[in-house]
């Protein structure tokens, strides 16, 4: 019977996906990105899917900024 693989922390998954070093500043930067994305309405899983699909980092940032601006206008 295969061993059960437990889900990993989203920050750890994100860092591994980006092949980042395990530097504290990298963790902090990723954590800020995740919080900002979630505040703009982009959940962690959607963010990971975008990177898995090869969407450029700048395009992801542009999307987050666009969604944040849209939510501010709606408020």
C-alpha atoms as a PDB file:
ATOM      1  CA  UNK A   1       0.000   0.000   0.000  1.00  0.00           C
ATOM      2  CA  UNK A   2       1.505   3.391  -0.970  1.00  0.00           C
ATOM      3  CA  UNK A   3       2.356   5.822   1.788  1.00  0.00           C
ATOM      4  CA  UNK A   4      -0.131   8.627   2.238  1.00  0.00           C
ATOM      5  CA  UNK A   5       1.347  11.951   1.204  1.00  0.00           C
ATOM      6  CA  UNK A   6       0.241  14.790   3.437  1.00  0.00           C
ATOM      7  CA  UNK A   7      -0.503  18.180   1.883  1.00  0.00           C
ATOM      8  CA  UNK A   8       2.348  20.640   2.243  1.00  0.00           C
ATOM      9  CA  UNK A   9       2.198  24.233   3.352  1.00  0.00           C
ATOM     10  CA  UNK A  10       1.206  26.463   0.375  1.00  0.00           C
ATOM     11  CA  UNK A  11       4.252  28.680   0.928  1.00  0.00           C
ATOM     12  CA  UNK A  12       6.543  25.637   0.707  1.00  0.00           C
ATOM     13  CA  UNK A  13       4.812  24.417  -2.459  1.00  0.00           C
ATOM     14  CA  UNK A  14       5.090  27.855  -4.001  1.00  0.00           C
ATOM     15  CA  UNK A  15       8.804  28.144  -3.193  1.00  0.00           C
ATOM     16  CA  UNK A  16       9.513  24.702  -4.572  1.00  0.00           C
ATOM     17  CA  UNK A  17       7.613  25.521  -7.758  1.00  0.00           C
ATOM     18  CA  UNK A  18       9.686  28.632  -8.282  1.00  0.00           C
ATOM     19  CA  UNK A  19      12.910  26.848  -7.354  1.00  0.00           C
ATOM     20  CA  UNK A  20      13.648  29.489  -4.743  1.00  0.00           C
ATOM     21  CA  UNK A  21      16.293  29.070  -2.089  1.00  0.00           C
ATOM     22  CA  UNK A  22      15.111  28.526   1.463  1.00  0.00           C
ATOM     23  CA  UNK A  23      16.093  32.014   2.478  1.00  0.00           C
ATOM     24  CA  UNK A  24      13.965  33.812   5.058  1.00  0.00           C
ATOM     25  CA  UNK A  25      13.549  36.823   2.766  1.00  0.00           C
ATOM     26  CA  UNK A  26      12.234  34.552  -0.003  1.00  0.00           C
ATOM     27  CA  UNK A  27       9.630  33.114   2.385  1.00  0.00           C
ATOM     28  CA  UNK A  28       8.588  36.614   3.407  1.00  0.00           C
ATOM     29  CA  UNK A  29       8.292  37.760  -0.205  1.00  0.00           C
ATOM     30  CA  UNK A  30       6.179  34.739  -1.139  1.00  0.00           C
ATOM     31  CA  UNK A  31       4.009  35.168   1.928  1.00  0.00           C
ATOM     32  CA  UNK A  32       3.359  38.817   0.997  1.00  0.00           C
ATOM     33  CA  UNK A  33       2.531  37.779  -2.563  1.00  0.00           C
ATOM     34  CA  UNK A  34       0.040  35.173  -1.306  1.00  0.00           C
ATOM     35  CA  UNK A  35      -1.653  37.622   1.076  1.00  0.00           C
ATOM     36  CA  UNK A  36      -1.835  40.306  -1.612  1.00  0.00           C
ATOM     37  CA  UNK A  37      -3.253  37.875  -4.163  1.00  0.00           C
ATOM     38  CA  UNK A  38      -5.873  36.608  -1.718  1.00  0.00           C
ATOM     39  CA  UNK A  39      -6.855  40.185  -0.802  1.00  0.00           C
ATOM     40  CA  UNK A  40      -7.368  40.844  -4.518  1.00  0.00           C
ATOM     41  CA  UNK A  41      -9.531  37.727  -4.893  1.00  0.00           C
ATOM     42  CA  UNK A  42      -6.955  35.270  -6.271  1.00  0.00           C
ATOM     43  CA  UNK A  43      -6.727  32.218  -4.035  1.00  0.00           C
ATOM     44  CA  UNK A  44      -3.513  30.283  -3.446  1.00  0.00           C
ATOM     45  CA  UNK A  45      -4.550  27.325  -5.582  1.00  0.00           C
ATOM     46  CA  UNK A  46      -5.363  29.593  -8.547  1.00  0.00           C
ATOM     47  CA  UNK A  47      -2.008  31.316  -8.134  1.00  0.00           C
ATOM     48  CA  UNK A  48      -0.186  27.977  -8.120  1.00  0.00           C
ATOM     49  CA  UNK A  49      -2.082  26.822 -11.210  1.00  0.00           C
ATOM     50  CA  UNK A  50      -1.062  29.979 -13.068  1.00  0.00           C
ATOM     51  CA  UNK A  51       2.606  29.366 -12.319  1.00  0.00           C
ATOM     52  CA  UNK A  52       2.276  25.654 -13.137  1.00  0.00           C
ATOM     53  CA  UNK A  53       0.818  26.638 -16.525  1.00  0.00           C
ATOM     54  CA  UNK A  54       3.864  28.786 -17.207  1.00  0.00           C
ATOM     55  CA  UNK A  55       2.258  32.202 -16.921  1.00  0.00           C
ATOM     56  CA  UNK A  56       4.988  34.819 -16.542  1.00  0.00           C
ATOM     57  CA  UNK A  57       5.443  36.293 -13.088  1.00  0.00           C
ATOM     58  CA  UNK A  58       4.880  39.830 -14.413  1.00  0.00           C
ATOM     59  CA  UNK A  59       1.554  38.741 -15.947  1.00  0.00           C
ATOM     60  CA  UNK A  60       0.456  37.259 -12.634  1.00  0.00           C
ATOM     61  CA  UNK A  61       1.381  40.505 -10.869  1.00  0.00           C
ATOM     62  CA  UNK A  62      -0.535  42.502 -13.495  1.00  0.00           C
ATOM     63  CA  UNK A  63      -3.601  40.305 -12.896  1.00  0.00           C
ATOM     64  CA  UNK A  64      -3.378  40.774  -9.117  1.00  0.00           C
ATOM     65  CA  UNK A  65      -3.043  44.551  -9.528  1.00  0.00           C
ATOM     66  CA  UNK A  66      -5.961  44.655 -11.957  1.00  0.00           C
ATOM     67  CA  UNK A  67      -8.207  42.657  -9.609  1.00  0.00           C
ATOM     68  CA  UNK A  68      -7.189  44.812  -6.653  1.00  0.00           C
ATOM     69  CA  UNK A  69      -8.045  47.986  -8.552  1.00  0.00           C
ATOM     70  CA  UNK A  70     -11.395  46.509  -9.638  1.00  0.00           C
ATOM     71  CA  UNK A  71     -12.311  45.566  -6.092  1.00  0.00           C
ATOM     72  CA  UNK A  72     -11.399  49.056  -4.842  1.00  0.00           C
ATOM     73  CA  UNK A  73     -13.626  50.668  -7.472  1.00  0.00           C
ATOM     74  CA  UNK A  74     -16.513  48.362  -6.530  1.00  0.00           C
ATOM     75  CA  UNK A  75     -16.212  49.259  -2.843  1.00  0.00           C
END
